[in-house]
Protein backbone atom coordinates (compact mmCIF):
# COMPACT_ATOMS: atom_id res chain seq x y z
CA MET A 1 119.13 23.85 -79.23
CA LYS A 2 121.96 23.16 -76.50
CA LYS A 3 121.42 26.72 -75.00
CA ALA A 4 117.50 26.16 -74.61
CA ALA A 5 118.06 22.59 -73.19
CA PHE A 6 120.56 24.38 -70.53
CA LEU A 7 118.20 27.16 -69.77
CA PHE A 8 115.23 24.66 -69.22
CA VAL A 9 117.14 22.40 -66.84
CA LEU A 10 118.61 25.43 -64.93
CA ALA A 11 115.14 26.80 -64.41
CA ALA A 12 113.90 23.34 -63.50
CA THR A 13 116.70 23.32 -60.67
CA VAL A 14 116.04 26.74 -59.25
CA VAL A 15 112.32 26.03 -59.04
CA ASN A 16 113.25 22.82 -57.46
CA LEU A 17 115.61 24.34 -54.79
CA THR A 18 113.61 27.29 -54.06
CA GLY A 19 110.06 25.78 -54.68
CA CYS A 20 108.91 29.22 -55.99
CA TRP A 21 107.35 30.34 -59.05
CA PHE A 22 107.40 33.90 -60.41
CA ILE A 23 104.36 34.13 -62.27
CA VAL A 24 103.70 37.50 -64.70
CA GLY A 25 100.34 37.57 -66.11
CA GLY A 26 96.73 37.90 -65.32
CA ALA A 27 94.60 36.18 -62.65
CA ALA A 28 90.67 36.44 -62.64
CA GLY A 29 91.23 39.42 -65.07
CA ALA A 30 93.93 41.57 -63.30
CA ALA A 31 96.86 41.96 -64.84
CA GLY A 32 100.13 41.71 -62.41
CA ALA A 33 103.08 39.78 -60.64
CA TYR A 34 102.22 36.72 -58.72
CA VAL A 35 104.34 34.39 -56.70
CA MET A 36 103.95 30.84 -55.86
CA GLY A 37 105.26 28.69 -53.21
CA LYS A 38 104.90 25.24 -52.54
CA ASP A 39 101.78 25.92 -50.29
CA TYR A 40 100.81 29.58 -51.58
CA MET A 41 100.19 32.09 -53.94
CA GLU A 42 100.39 35.99 -53.26
CA GLY A 43 100.05 38.68 -55.06
CA ASN A 44 99.60 42.46 -55.22
CA THR A 45 96.49 44.50 -56.42
CA ASP A 46 95.13 48.03 -56.50
CA ARG A 47 91.94 46.60 -55.32
CA PRO A 48 90.79 48.63 -51.89
CA TYR A 49 91.65 46.66 -48.77
CA GLU A 50 88.15 47.00 -47.48
CA SER A 51 86.73 45.37 -51.00
CA LEU A 52 89.56 42.60 -50.60
CA TRP A 53 88.51 41.77 -46.86
CA ASN A 54 84.49 41.53 -47.78
CA ALA A 55 85.54 39.08 -50.68
CA THR A 56 87.74 37.29 -48.57
CA MET A 57 85.22 36.71 -45.92
CA THR A 58 82.64 35.72 -48.57
CA VAL A 59 84.96 33.21 -49.90
CA ALA A 60 85.91 31.59 -46.58
CA ARG A 61 82.02 31.49 -45.86
CA ILE A 62 81.48 29.80 -48.65
CA ARG A 63 84.17 27.46 -48.92
CA GLY A 64 84.95 26.46 -45.46
CA LYS A 65 84.07 27.22 -41.63
CA ILE A 66 86.18 30.08 -40.51
CA GLN A 67 88.33 29.42 -37.22
CA GLN A 68 90.09 32.53 -37.03
CA GLU A 69 89.59 36.39 -38.04
CA ASP A 70 91.12 39.92 -37.27
CA ILE A 71 90.41 42.91 -39.79
CA ALA A 72 92.70 45.06 -38.19
CA GLY A 73 95.83 42.23 -38.81
CA GLY A 74 94.16 41.02 -42.08
CA TYR A 75 94.15 37.56 -41.10
CA VAL A 76 91.68 34.57 -41.69
CA GLU A 77 91.76 30.92 -40.99
CA VAL A 78 89.55 28.85 -42.35
CA ALA A 79 88.73 25.20 -42.21
CA VAL A 80 88.17 23.82 -45.84
CA ASP A 81 87.28 19.80 -45.22
CA SER A 82 90.59 18.48 -43.92
CA THR A 83 92.82 21.58 -45.23
CA LEU A 84 93.65 24.51 -43.15
CA VAL A 85 93.83 27.93 -45.22
CA LYS A 86 95.54 31.12 -44.10
CA ILE A 87 94.68 34.15 -45.71
CA HIS A 88 96.93 37.34 -45.53
CA LEU A 89 95.83 40.68 -46.28
CA THR A 90 98.68 43.36 -46.07
CA ARG A 91 98.58 47.01 -46.96
CA VAL A 92 101.18 47.59 -49.22
CA SER A 93 100.27 51.06 -49.99
CA GLN A 94 97.34 53.81 -49.70
CA SER A 95 95.84 52.13 -53.20
CA ALA A 96 97.93 48.71 -53.16
CA THR A 97 97.33 45.51 -50.83
CA LYS A 98 99.13 42.63 -51.09
CA VAL A 99 97.01 38.84 -50.86
CA LYS A 100 98.44 35.77 -49.84
CA VAL A 101 96.60 32.12 -49.50
CA ALA A 102 98.06 29.44 -48.05
CA ALA A 103 96.92 25.92 -48.13
CA ARG A 104 97.98 23.13 -46.11
CA LYS A 105 96.13 19.37 -45.53
CA HIS A 106 97.70 17.13 -42.58
CA HIS A 107 100.68 19.32 -43.15
CA MET A 108 101.30 18.69 -46.79
CA PRO A 109 101.02 21.70 -49.35
CA ASN A 110 97.57 21.85 -51.18
CA LEU A 111 98.80 24.73 -54.00
CA THR A 112 95.53 23.68 -55.89
CA LEU A 113 93.28 24.82 -53.07
CA ALA A 114 95.09 27.72 -52.28
CA GLN A 115 95.37 28.83 -56.02
CA GLU A 116 91.25 28.56 -56.26
CA ILE A 117 90.48 30.75 -53.03
CA PHE A 118 93.03 33.25 -54.15
CA ILE A 119 91.20 33.51 -57.56
CA LYS A 120 87.99 33.41 -56.01
CA ILE A 121 88.96 36.55 -53.60
CA MET A 122 90.30 38.39 -56.59
CA GLU A 123 86.85 38.01 -58.45
CA GLU A 124 84.82 38.81 -55.91
CA ALA A 125 86.63 41.88 -54.89
CA LYS A 126 85.66 43.51 -58.44
C-alpha cells in the first residue's frame, strides 16, 4: 500500500513539474502513443500527410476562421472564438505523420479545445 501511494505521489510530482503526459492508447479508433502538454496534444499516425492536411483544413474551417496556412510547412493557425489554435503536421517518414495541436486563450492554455480538434482531425482523416 505504501509503495502504491509513493508511486502515485511520484507520478503526480513528475507531471506537475514537467506539465507533460504520455498516454498509450487509442484516440478516434487509432491505437498509438499520444503526448499531452499544458496547451497541446501530439501524436504520430500512419495516415497519409495529404489526408491529414485535408482533414485539418476541413476541421479548421468548421471550427473557426483560418488566420494562416502553409501546406508545404504543414502549419495552420485558426481563431476559434477567442482561442488561437496552432496545428502542425510533420512528416516523420514516408508512411508516418506527427500531428500537434496547441490552443491558447488569452495566453492561457486551452487543452480541452486542443484535444477536441486533435480527435476531430484524426476522425476526419479516416
